Amino acid sequence: MSQKTDKTLFAWPYWLLRYIASGDDEAFNDIVWSVGGSRPYGDTSYEEASAVYDLLQDYIGQGMASESSYEAVGRYIKDKPERLDALEAFHCHDRIASSPTSYSEQNVVSGIRLGEKIGHKGVWAYFITIQSQLLYKSGEIAQALELINVAIQIYVSFAMNETVYTKRLISVANSLIYFTAIEGDFTLARILLTQFSKMYYTGLLDELRNMLGDTPMFNQNSLLVADKASELLESGYTLQALEWYIEAEHLLTIKEDERQLCGILGDKAVAFRRLGNTHRAIETYQQAIILCRKYNDFLNLSRWNANLGQIFFDRNEHASAEICFKEGMNAAIQTKIADQISVSTANCALLLTTQGRYQEAIHLLDQALSTCPNNQILCDTWTRNKSVFYTKWGSQLRDEGQLKEALEAYTAAINYLNLDNDENKGSVADLYLRITELNDILNDSHASLTSLEKAIQIYRDLGNYEIVTNLENRRSKLKQTQVRLYEKGEKVED
């Protein structure tokens, strides 16, 4: 819109869409002025303007504007489809902005569709930017980058005409540069950072600038470069570590030293995974595993299969996880390294739980524990896992109607938890409540009271007094029931 154009000619949907696309405070104020002035902008009645104004006031602050506010506006625009589409696009935006960590992907898909239907490229770019963030969270960085590249071109064009789009442009540029870096293209990431810094001098890029730093002065000794990469990774500088691993891989490839690549590629995959680039982590682990097989590098073959299997397990791709865990186990046995065998055994145990085979899983964890008696970290982890497995097994037995067996499983789960840890205390208290529930079903009121008392004491120690109050009320009712049973002369289990 030209600066000479009369703003009052444009009704509130124009300004609403402009705000969705830009996210700028000035753009929001323009919507308010379009409906809150002495005369509403465009062909808008005072009643409609008032409903929109109320919606905007409801939108401000925590949480989403109420459905009644949207319905109030909708009543005045039933026969105006373009305004209805703008309102629904804002509704999608509101749902996303109000719940940034838990919004539904359907709102994003609907927003993209509405952006296309309305023909507003800025709104469409906003929603595909949100879609790119979802892809980033799922580890699909290359796909996220494709969408960001499209969105950035639109925002550059828009920002050249209106400054309200600058804030959104810089935000999208941040994502573009970061995604480019964690895809492994540090040269392009720095070029983009320089370009946007010159075009739009802003502190919003400073954090990313500090994270990337200047181009490193690499040594030509691949082992020294690899050591530096490992040092950075262990120190938590994962992005910088990735760049050094890429250089180490480059130097080893020139030397055709595939044997050393067995380790470097796997470490590079670790960096990709920590940065959230799951897709590239999978690809890189697979490359490392192929080389480990070729050179009988059993230690790294076990390590990388374990890591890759865990990724597949977390993605519920259990068949692929099983292939990795089994190959990792076989390779670990070849190394004869106790800790490696223990880890691989525990991974196989984890896989069995997805098939409901808890008894076998617990047996494997016992093997894992016996393999590494001197590694306290592993022993503590496997012991905690045993408690988790027993808890899940107890739930399975309960669902199958095997109540006494479920009681035994829950009791065993408690025995493997260390009560010195507050987190464990909460788990133990929950287990005592599960036991109480089972004893209630089994009509063992004495046992129910015993387990309930233990749960109450733990929650009191944790300071969860609201839960304590509720459980104490439950205890009172349970005692009353027990008294009535005695009065009737019915047997109460000892």
Protein backbone atom coordinates (compact mmCIF):
# COMPACT_ATOMS: atom_id res chain seq x y z
CA MET A 1 0.00 0.00 0.00
CA SER A 2 1.39 3.41 -0.96
CA GLN A 3 1.98 5.94 1.80
CA LYS A 4 -0.32 8.36 -0.08
CA THR A 5 -3.22 5.87 -0.09
CA ASP A 6 -6.04 6.69 2.31
CA LYS A 7 -5.83 3.99 5.02
CA THR A 8 -9.50 4.40 5.91
CA LEU A 9 -10.51 2.88 2.57
CA PHE A 10 -9.38 -0.55 3.79
CA ALA A 11 -11.66 -2.43 6.16
CA TRP A 12 -10.42 -4.47 9.15
CA PRO A 13 -9.77 -7.78 7.25
CA TYR A 14 -6.97 -6.08 5.30
CA TRP A 15 -5.27 -5.01 8.52
CA LEU A 16 -5.95 -8.35 10.21
CA LEU A 17 -4.20 -10.28 7.44
CA ARG A 18 -1.34 -7.79 7.50
CA TYR A 19 -0.87 -8.44 11.22
CA ILE A 20 -0.97 -12.25 10.82
CA ALA A 21 1.74 -11.99 8.18
CA SER A 22 3.95 -9.54 10.06
CA GLY A 23 3.39 -10.16 13.78
CA ASP A 24 4.29 -6.50 14.31
CA ASP A 25 2.88 -4.34 17.14
CA GLU A 26 2.33 -1.41 14.79
CA ALA A 27 0.36 -3.70 12.48
CA PHE A 28 -1.82 -4.77 15.41
CA ASN A 29 -2.48 -1.16 16.36
CA ASP A 30 -3.58 -0.51 12.79
CA ILE A 31 -6.28 -3.20 13.15
CA VAL A 32 -7.47 -1.55 16.35
CA TRP A 33 -7.64 1.84 14.67
CA SER A 34 -9.56 0.34 11.75
CA VAL A 35 -12.44 -0.58 14.09
CA GLY A 36 -11.92 1.61 17.16
CA GLY A 37 -11.87 5.08 15.66
CA SER A 38 -14.73 7.56 15.33
CA ARG A 39 -15.64 5.90 12.07
CA PRO A 40 -14.73 2.31 11.12
CA TYR A 41 -12.54 1.92 8.05
CA GLY A 42 -14.07 0.69 4.79
CA ASP A 43 -17.55 -0.68 4.45
CA THR A 44 -17.95 -1.73 8.09
CA SER A 45 -20.91 -1.14 10.39
CA TYR A 46 -20.38 0.15 13.92
CA GLU A 47 -21.79 -3.11 15.31
CA GLU A 48 -19.38 -5.23 13.31
CA ALA A 49 -16.50 -2.94 14.23
CA SER A 50 -17.40 -3.18 17.90
CA ALA A 51 -17.41 -7.00 17.76
CA VAL A 52 -14.00 -7.02 16.07
CA TYR A 53 -12.64 -4.56 18.64
CA ASP A 54 -13.85 -6.80 21.48
CA LEU A 55 -12.19 -9.79 19.81
CA LEU A 56 -8.88 -7.93 19.61
CA GLN A 57 -9.06 -7.00 23.29
CA ASP A 58 -9.82 -10.64 24.12
CA TYR A 59 -6.85 -11.72 21.98
CA ILE A 60 -4.37 -9.62 23.99
CA GLY A 61 -2.65 -11.37 26.89
CA GLN A 62 -2.45 -14.99 27.97
CA GLY A 63 -4.45 -17.71 26.24
CA MET A 64 -6.63 -17.67 23.17
CA ALA A 65 -9.54 -15.32 22.56
CA SER A 66 -12.84 -16.97 23.49
CA GLU A 67 -14.95 -18.78 20.93
CA SER A 68 -17.81 -16.44 21.81
CA SER A 69 -15.71 -13.48 20.65
CA TYR A 70 -15.17 -15.13 17.27
CA GLU A 71 -18.84 -16.06 17.04
CA ALA A 72 -19.85 -12.45 17.79
CA VAL A 73 -17.86 -11.21 14.78
CA GLY A 74 -19.12 -14.07 12.63
CA ARG A 75 -22.72 -13.02 13.13
CA TYR A 76 -22.10 -9.76 11.26
CA ILE A 77 -20.24 -11.24 8.29
CA LYS A 78 -22.25 -14.38 7.45
CA ASP A 79 -22.74 -13.20 3.87
CA LYS A 80 -19.16 -11.92 3.44
CA PRO A 81 -16.99 -14.95 2.64
CA GLU A 82 -13.77 -12.97 2.26
CA ARG A 83 -14.16 -11.56 5.77
CA LEU A 84 -15.04 -14.99 7.12
CA ASP A 85 -11.83 -16.39 5.60
CA ALA A 86 -9.75 -13.60 7.14
CA LEU A 87 -11.38 -14.22 10.52
CA GLU A 88 -10.71 -17.97 10.31
CA ALA A 89 -7.07 -17.34 9.33
CA PHE A 90 -6.73 -15.18 12.43
CA HIS A 91 -8.39 -17.92 14.48
CA CYS A 92 -5.77 -20.42 13.24
CA HIS A 93 -3.02 -17.96 14.11
CA ASP A 94 -4.53 -17.40 17.56
CA ARG A 95 -4.59 -21.13 18.31
CA ILE A 96 -0.93 -21.42 17.32
CA ALA A 97 0.30 -18.26 19.07
CA SER A 98 -1.58 -19.10 22.27
CA SER A 99 -0.15 -22.64 22.50
CA PRO A 100 3.29 -22.43 20.84
CA THR A 101 4.43 -25.79 22.22
CA SER A 102 1.24 -27.81 21.81
CA TYR A 103 -0.79 -26.48 18.89
CA SER A 104 -2.37 -28.85 16.40
CA GLU A 105 -0.74 -29.32 13.01
CA GLN A 106 -4.25 -29.11 11.56
CA ASN A 107 -4.28 -25.39 12.40
CA VAL A 108 -1.13 -24.95 10.33
CA VAL A 109 -2.55 -26.91 7.39
CA SER A 110 -5.78 -24.90 7.56
CA GLY A 111 -3.80 -21.67 7.71
CA ILE A 112 -1.77 -22.58 4.63
CA ARG A 113 -4.97 -23.43 2.75
CA LEU A 114 -6.61 -20.16 3.78
CA GLY A 115 -3.52 -18.16 2.81
CA GLU A 116 -3.73 -19.68 -0.67
CA LYS A 117 -7.49 -19.14 -0.91
CA ILE A 118 -7.32 -15.52 0.23
CA GLY A 119 -4.38 -14.85 -2.05
CA HIS A 120 -2.27 -13.17 0.66
CA LYS A 121 1.33 -14.33 0.18
CA GLY A 122 2.39 -12.95 3.55
CA VAL A 123 -0.23 -14.98 5.43
CA TRP A 124 0.69 -18.06 3.42
CA ALA A 125 4.40 -17.46 4.18
CA TYR A 126 3.63 -17.14 7.90
CA PHE A 127 1.91 -20.51 8.03
CA ILE A 128 4.56 -22.33 5.97
CA THR A 129 7.13 -20.86 8.35
CA ILE A 130 5.24 -22.51 11.21
CA GLN A 131 5.16 -25.73 9.17
CA SER A 132 8.93 -25.53 8.83
CA GLN A 133 9.24 -25.35 12.62
CA LEU A 134 7.21 -28.55 12.92
CA LEU A 135 9.55 -30.22 10.43
CA TYR A 136 12.51 -28.97 12.45
CA LYS A 137 11.08 -30.50 15.62
CA SER A 138 10.66 -33.82 13.82
CA GLY A 139 14.29 -33.74 12.66
CA GLU A 140 13.53 -33.15 8.96
CA ILE A 141 15.80 -30.13 8.53
CA ALA A 142 16.20 -30.37 4.75
CA GLN A 143 12.43 -30.18 4.27
CA ALA A 144 12.17 -27.32 6.78
CA LEU A 145 14.88 -25.49 4.86
CA GLU A 146 12.96 -25.80 1.60
CA LEU A 147 9.93 -24.06 3.12
CA ILE A 148 12.01 -21.36 4.82
CA ASN A 149 13.73 -20.56 1.52
CA VAL A 150 10.32 -19.93 -0.06
CA ALA A 151 9.06 -17.85 2.88
CA ILE A 152 12.19 -15.68 3.07
CA GLN A 153 11.80 -14.53 -0.54
CA ILE A 154 8.24 -13.38 0.18
CA TYR A 155 9.25 -11.53 3.32
CA VAL A 156 12.18 -9.81 1.63
CA SER A 157 9.76 -8.52 -1.00
CA PHE A 158 7.21 -7.41 1.59
CA ALA A 159 9.80 -5.73 3.84
CA MET A 160 11.05 -3.65 0.94
CA ASN A 161 7.61 -2.01 0.78
CA GLU A 162 6.58 -1.93 4.44
CA THR A 163 8.77 -1.86 7.54
CA VAL A 164 6.16 -3.74 9.61
CA TYR A 165 7.45 -6.93 7.93
CA THR A 166 11.07 -6.42 9.02
CA LYS A 167 10.66 -8.13 12.39
CA ARG A 168 9.16 -11.26 10.79
CA LEU A 169 11.83 -11.22 8.07
CA ILE A 170 14.64 -11.26 10.63
CA SER A 171 12.95 -14.06 12.55
CA VAL A 172 12.65 -16.15 9.39
CA ALA A 173 16.23 -15.25 8.45
CA ASN A 174 17.38 -16.60 11.81
CA SER A 175 15.71 -19.93 11.02
CA LEU A 176 17.12 -19.94 7.48
CA ILE A 177 20.69 -19.38 8.68
CA TYR A 178 20.45 -21.83 11.56
CA PHE A 179 18.85 -24.58 9.47
CA THR A 180 21.53 -24.06 6.82
CA ALA A 181 24.26 -24.45 9.45
CA ILE A 182 22.86 -27.60 11.03
CA GLU A 183 22.53 -29.08 7.55
CA GLY A 184 26.32 -28.71 7.45
CA ASP A 185 26.69 -25.77 5.01
CA PHE A 186 28.58 -23.33 7.21
CA THR A 187 29.93 -21.31 4.30
CA LEU A 188 26.45 -20.47 3.04
CA ALA A 189 25.21 -19.84 6.59
CA ARG A 190 27.88 -17.18 7.12
CA ILE A 191 27.19 -15.59 3.73
CA LEU A 192 23.49 -15.33 4.57
CA LEU A 193 24.30 -13.93 8.02
CA THR A 194 26.49 -11.23 6.47
CA GLN A 195 23.88 -10.33 3.85
CA PHE A 196 21.00 -9.95 6.30
CA SER A 197 23.17 -8.08 8.79
CA LYS A 198 24.02 -5.52 6.12
CA MET A 199 20.43 -5.22 4.89
CA TYR A 200 18.85 -5.01 8.34
CA TYR A 201 21.22 -4.04 11.13
CA THR A 202 19.66 -5.68 14.15
CA GLY A 203 20.67 -7.31 17.42
CA LEU A 204 18.28 -10.15 16.67
CA LEU A 205 21.04 -11.86 14.70
CA ASP A 206 23.75 -11.37 17.36
CA GLU A 207 23.12 -14.69 19.12
CA LEU A 208 23.40 -16.58 15.86
CA ARG A 209 26.51 -14.60 14.92
CA ASN A 210 28.16 -15.57 18.20
CA MET A 211 27.13 -19.17 17.76
CA LEU A 212 28.61 -19.46 14.27
CA GLY A 213 31.70 -17.34 14.89
CA ASP A 214 34.32 -16.78 12.21
CA THR A 215 35.44 -19.46 9.79
CA PRO A 216 37.90 -21.66 11.72
CA MET A 217 41.57 -21.88 10.73
CA PHE A 218 41.77 -25.65 10.26
CA ASN A 219 44.96 -27.66 10.69
CA GLN A 220 45.73 -30.02 7.82
CA ASN A 221 46.31 -32.87 10.26
CA SER A 222 43.06 -34.84 10.28
CA LEU A 223 43.71 -36.35 13.72
CA LEU A 224 44.21 -32.91 15.29
CA VAL A 225 41.04 -31.64 13.63
CA ALA A 226 39.12 -34.70 14.87
CA ASP A 227 40.47 -34.19 18.40
CA LYS A 228 39.32 -30.56 18.34
CA ALA A 229 35.87 -31.67 17.15
CA SER A 230 35.60 -34.16 20.01
CA GLU A 231 36.72 -31.53 22.52
CA LEU A 232 34.02 -29.13 21.29
CA LEU A 233 31.35 -31.85 21.36
CA GLU A 234 32.22 -32.88 24.91
CA SER A 235 32.17 -29.22 25.99
CA GLY A 236 28.66 -28.70 24.63
CA TYR A 237 29.62 -26.61 21.58
CA THR A 238 27.77 -28.94 19.25
CA LEU A 239 27.35 -26.64 16.26
CA GLN A 240 31.05 -25.79 16.18
CA ALA A 241 31.89 -29.47 16.68
CA LEU A 242 29.85 -30.37 13.61
CA GLU A 243 31.90 -27.98 11.48
CA TRP A 244 35.15 -29.52 12.70
CA TYR A 245 33.87 -33.06 12.13
CA ILE A 246 32.92 -32.10 8.56
CA GLU A 247 36.47 -30.83 8.01
CA ALA A 248 37.97 -33.97 9.55
CA GLU A 249 35.83 -36.10 7.24
CA HIS A 250 36.97 -33.98 4.28
CA LEU A 251 40.66 -34.47 5.14
CA LEU A 252 40.28 -38.22 5.69
CA THR A 253 38.37 -38.59 2.42
CA ILE A 254 41.22 -36.88 0.56
CA LYS A 255 43.65 -39.32 2.23
CA GLU A 256 41.24 -42.20 1.45
CA ASP A 257 41.54 -43.26 5.09
CA GLU A 258 38.23 -45.10 5.44
CA ARG A 259 39.25 -46.89 8.62
CA GLN A 260 39.49 -43.61 10.54
CA LEU A 261 36.17 -42.53 9.04
CA CYS A 262 34.49 -45.36 10.97
CA GLY A 263 34.77 -43.28 14.12
CA ILE A 264 34.57 -39.76 12.67
CA LEU A 265 31.31 -40.36 10.80
CA GLY A 266 29.67 -41.79 13.89
CA ASP A 267 30.75 -38.80 15.99
CA LYS A 268 29.49 -36.49 13.25
CA ALA A 269 26.14 -38.29 13.45
CA VAL A 270 26.09 -37.68 17.22
CA ALA A 271 26.48 -33.95 16.53
CA PHE A 272 23.68 -33.99 13.94
CA ARG A 273 21.39 -35.76 16.39
CA ARG A 274 22.10 -33.35 19.25
CA LEU A 275 21.32 -30.45 16.92
CA GLY A 276 17.97 -32.01 16.09
CA ASN A 277 18.87 -33.00 12.54
CA THR A 278 17.59 -36.56 12.90
CA HIS A 279 17.42 -37.28 9.17
CA ARG A 280 21.10 -36.44 8.63
CA ALA A 281 22.02 -38.32 11.82
CA ILE A 282 20.38 -41.48 10.45
CA GLU A 283 22.12 -41.12 7.08
CA THR A 284 25.50 -40.53 8.69
CA TYR A 285 25.18 -43.43 11.14
CA GLN A 286 24.30 -45.70 8.23
CA GLN A 287 27.41 -44.56 6.33
CA ALA A 288 29.55 -45.20 9.40
CA ILE A 289 28.04 -48.66 9.94
CA ILE A 290 28.81 -49.70 6.35
CA LEU A 291 32.47 -48.77 6.83
CA CYS A 292 32.62 -50.46 10.26
CA ARG A 293 31.43 -53.71 8.70
CA LYS A 294 34.02 -53.39 5.94
CA TYR A 295 36.92 -52.98 8.38
CA ASN A 296 35.60 -55.20 11.23
CA ASP A 297 35.55 -52.22 13.58
CA PHE A 298 33.36 -54.03 16.10
CA LEU A 299 33.51 -51.37 18.82
CA ASN A 300 32.20 -48.58 16.60
CA LEU A 301 29.84 -51.00 14.87
CA SER A 302 28.29 -51.70 18.27
CA ARG A 303 28.21 -48.02 19.28
CA TRP A 304 26.66 -46.66 16.11
CA ASN A 305 24.10 -49.44 15.83
CA ALA A 306 23.08 -48.75 19.43
CA ASN A 307 22.67 -45.02 18.72
CA LEU A 308 20.85 -45.55 15.43
CA GLY A 309 18.61 -48.18 17.01
CA GLN A 310 17.68 -45.71 19.74
CA ILE A 311 16.64 -43.14 17.12
CA PHE A 312 14.44 -45.71 15.40
CA PHE A 313 13.05 -46.81 18.77
CA ASP A 314 12.13 -43.23 19.69
CA ARG A 315 10.37 -42.89 16.32
CA ASN A 316 8.41 -46.10 17.01
CA GLU A 317 10.15 -47.79 14.08
CA HIS A 318 10.69 -50.93 16.11
CA ALA A 319 11.52 -53.30 13.24
CA SER A 320 14.43 -51.08 12.19
CA ALA A 321 15.47 -50.67 15.83
CA GLU A 322 15.56 -54.45 16.27
CA ILE A 323 17.92 -54.89 13.30
CA CYS A 324 20.29 -52.29 14.74
CA PHE A 325 20.17 -53.58 18.32
CA LYS A 326 20.83 -57.17 17.25
CA GLU A 327 23.78 -56.24 15.05
CA GLY A 328 25.04 -54.02 17.86
CA MET A 329 24.80 -56.91 20.33
CA ASN A 330 26.73 -59.27 18.06
CA ALA A 331 29.41 -56.64 17.50
CA ALA A 332 29.65 -55.90 21.24
CA ILE A 333 30.26 -59.58 21.98
CA GLN A 334 33.14 -59.49 19.51
CA THR A 335 34.74 -56.58 21.39
CA LYS A 336 34.69 -58.48 24.71
CA ILE A 337 34.27 -55.07 26.40
CA ALA A 338 31.96 -55.49 29.39
CA ASP A 339 30.33 -52.06 29.29
CA GLN A 340 29.63 -52.29 25.57
CA ILE A 341 28.06 -55.73 25.97
CA SER A 342 26.00 -54.43 28.87
CA VAL A 343 24.65 -51.48 26.85
CA SER A 344 23.77 -53.70 23.90
CA THR A 345 22.03 -56.21 26.17
CA ALA A 346 19.97 -53.43 27.76
CA ASN A 347 18.98 -52.14 24.32
CA CYS A 348 17.63 -55.56 23.39
CA ALA A 349 15.72 -55.63 26.67
CA LEU A 350 14.13 -52.29 25.82
CA LEU A 351 12.99 -53.67 22.48
CA LEU A 352 11.29 -56.64 24.15
CA THR A 353 9.08 -54.27 26.14
CA THR A 354 7.49 -53.02 22.90
CA GLN A 355 6.28 -56.58 22.36
CA GLY A 356 4.91 -56.87 25.90
CA ARG A 357 7.62 -59.41 26.80
CA TYR A 358 8.49 -57.86 30.16
CA GLN A 359 9.65 -61.00 31.93
CA GLU A 360 12.23 -61.66 29.21
CA ALA A 361 13.21 -57.98 29.20
CA ILE A 362 13.85 -58.04 32.94
CA HIS A 363 15.92 -61.20 32.55
CA LEU A 364 18.08 -59.42 29.94
CA LEU A 365 18.49 -56.43 32.26
CA ASP A 366 19.75 -58.80 34.94
CA GLN A 367 22.35 -59.99 32.42
CA ALA A 368 23.26 -56.38 31.63
CA LEU A 369 23.70 -55.66 35.35
CA SER A 370 25.87 -58.70 35.91
CA THR A 371 28.08 -57.73 32.96
CA CYS A 372 29.09 -54.31 34.32
CA PRO A 373 29.29 -54.59 38.15
CA ASN A 374 31.98 -51.88 38.35
CA ASN A 375 30.19 -49.24 36.26
CA GLN A 376 27.95 -47.46 38.77
CA ILE A 377 26.30 -45.22 36.16
CA LEU A 378 25.19 -48.19 34.06
CA CYS A 379 24.15 -50.18 37.13
CA ASP A 380 21.98 -47.30 38.37
CA THR A 381 20.43 -46.86 34.93
CA TRP A 382 19.59 -50.55 34.46
CA THR A 383 18.22 -50.76 38.02
CA ARG A 384 15.94 -47.80 37.32
CA ASN A 385 14.90 -49.45 34.05
CA LYS A 386 14.04 -52.65 35.93
CA SER A 387 11.62 -50.66 38.05
CA VAL A 388 10.05 -49.13 34.92
CA PHE A 389 9.75 -52.57 33.30
CA TYR A 390 8.15 -54.07 36.42
CA THR A 391 5.70 -51.15 36.55
CA LYS A 392 4.69 -51.64 32.91
CA TRP A 393 4.46 -55.38 33.43
CA GLY A 394 2.24 -54.81 36.45
CA SER A 395 -0.10 -52.66 34.35
CA GLN A 396 -0.21 -55.34 31.67
CA LEU A 397 -1.03 -58.03 34.26
CA ARG A 398 -3.72 -55.82 35.81
CA ASP A 399 -5.35 -55.28 32.42
CA GLU A 400 -5.31 -59.04 31.88
CA GLY A 401 -7.07 -59.59 35.21
CA GLN A 402 -4.03 -61.17 36.91
CA LEU A 403 -4.34 -58.97 39.96
CA LYS A 404 -2.14 -60.86 42.44
CA GLU A 405 0.63 -61.14 39.86
CA ALA A 406 0.27 -57.40 39.18
CA LEU A 407 0.69 -56.75 42.92
CA GLU A 408 3.94 -58.70 42.88
CA ALA A 409 5.20 -56.74 39.87
CA TYR A 410 4.38 -53.38 41.44
CA THR A 411 6.03 -54.42 44.70
CA ALA A 412 9.15 -55.48 42.80
CA ALA A 413 9.16 -52.11 41.01
CA ILE A 414 9.30 -50.34 44.39
CA ASN A 415 12.23 -52.47 45.52
CA TYR A 416 14.37 -51.21 42.64
CA LEU A 417 13.86 -47.50 43.39
CA ASN A 418 16.17 -45.48 45.61
CA LEU A 419 14.10 -43.30 47.95
CA ASP A 420 16.99 -40.83 48.41
CA ASN A 421 15.89 -39.32 45.09
CA ASP A 422 12.78 -37.08 45.16
CA GLU A 423 11.83 -38.12 41.62
CA ASN A 424 11.92 -41.74 42.71
CA LYS A 425 9.80 -40.89 45.74
CA GLY A 426 7.02 -39.68 43.48
CA SER A 427 7.20 -42.91 41.48
CA VAL A 428 7.11 -45.02 44.65
CA ALA A 429 4.09 -43.12 45.95
CA ASP A 430 2.31 -43.70 42.64
CA LEU A 431 3.11 -47.41 42.85
CA TYR A 432 1.67 -47.58 46.38
CA LEU A 433 -1.54 -46.02 45.05
CA ARG A 434 -1.67 -48.65 42.29
CA ILE A 435 -1.21 -51.33 44.93
CA THR A 436 -3.99 -49.75 47.00
CA GLU A 437 -6.31 -49.86 44.00
CA LEU A 438 -5.58 -53.55 43.42
CA ASN A 439 -6.09 -54.38 47.10
CA ASP A 440 -9.43 -52.56 46.98
CA ILE A 441 -10.51 -54.78 44.09
CA LEU A 442 -9.30 -57.84 46.00
CA ASN A 443 -11.31 -56.67 49.07
CA ASP A 444 -8.18 -56.60 51.22
CA SER A 445 -8.92 -53.43 53.21
CA HIS A 446 -6.04 -53.95 55.64
CA ALA A 447 -3.49 -54.11 52.82
CA SER A 448 -5.16 -51.14 51.13
CA LEU A 449 -4.77 -49.02 54.26
CA THR A 450 -1.14 -50.05 54.66
CA SER A 451 -0.15 -49.08 51.11
CA LEU A 452 -2.25 -45.90 51.26
CA GLU A 453 -0.52 -44.82 54.48
CA LYS A 454 2.86 -45.25 52.81
CA ALA A 455 1.76 -43.15 49.83
CA ILE A 456 0.47 -40.41 52.15
CA GLN A 457 3.74 -40.31 54.08
CA ILE A 458 5.80 -39.95 50.91
CA TYR A 459 3.61 -37.18 49.49
CA ARG A 460 3.81 -35.40 52.86
CA ASP A 461 7.62 -35.62 52.73
CA LEU A 462 7.51 -34.13 49.23
CA GLY A 463 5.28 -31.28 50.39
CA ASN A 464 2.37 -32.23 48.11
CA TYR A 465 -0.23 -31.29 50.70
CA GLU A 466 -3.16 -31.05 48.30
CA ILE A 467 -2.63 -34.70 47.34
CA VAL A 468 -2.16 -35.59 51.00
CA THR A 469 -5.54 -34.02 51.88
CA ASN A 470 -7.31 -35.97 49.14
CA LEU A 471 -5.64 -39.23 50.18
CA GLU A 472 -6.45 -38.64 53.83
CA ASN A 473 -10.13 -38.29 52.88
CA ARG A 474 -9.82 -41.54 51.00
CA ARG A 475 -8.19 -43.15 54.03
CA SER A 476 -11.07 -42.04 56.27
CA LYS A 477 -13.61 -43.64 53.94
CA LEU A 478 -11.54 -46.81 53.81
CA LYS A 479 -11.40 -46.99 57.60
CA GLN A 480 -15.16 -46.46 57.82
CA THR A 481 -15.64 -49.34 55.41
CA GLN A 482 -13.35 -51.52 57.49
CA VAL A 483 -15.30 -50.69 60.68
CA ARG A 484 -18.60 -51.61 59.01
CA LEU A 485 -17.15 -54.93 57.91
CA TYR A 486 -16.10 -55.72 61.47
CA GLU A 487 -19.50 -54.73 62.81
CA LYS A 488 -21.15 -57.10 60.36
CA GLY A 489 -18.79 -59.83 61.44
CA GLU A 490 -17.33 -60.18 57.97
CA LYS A 491 -13.82 -61.36 57.65
CA VAL A 492 -11.17 -58.76 56.99
CA GLU A 493 -7.93 -60.06 55.51
CA ASP A 494 -4.90 -59.84 57.78
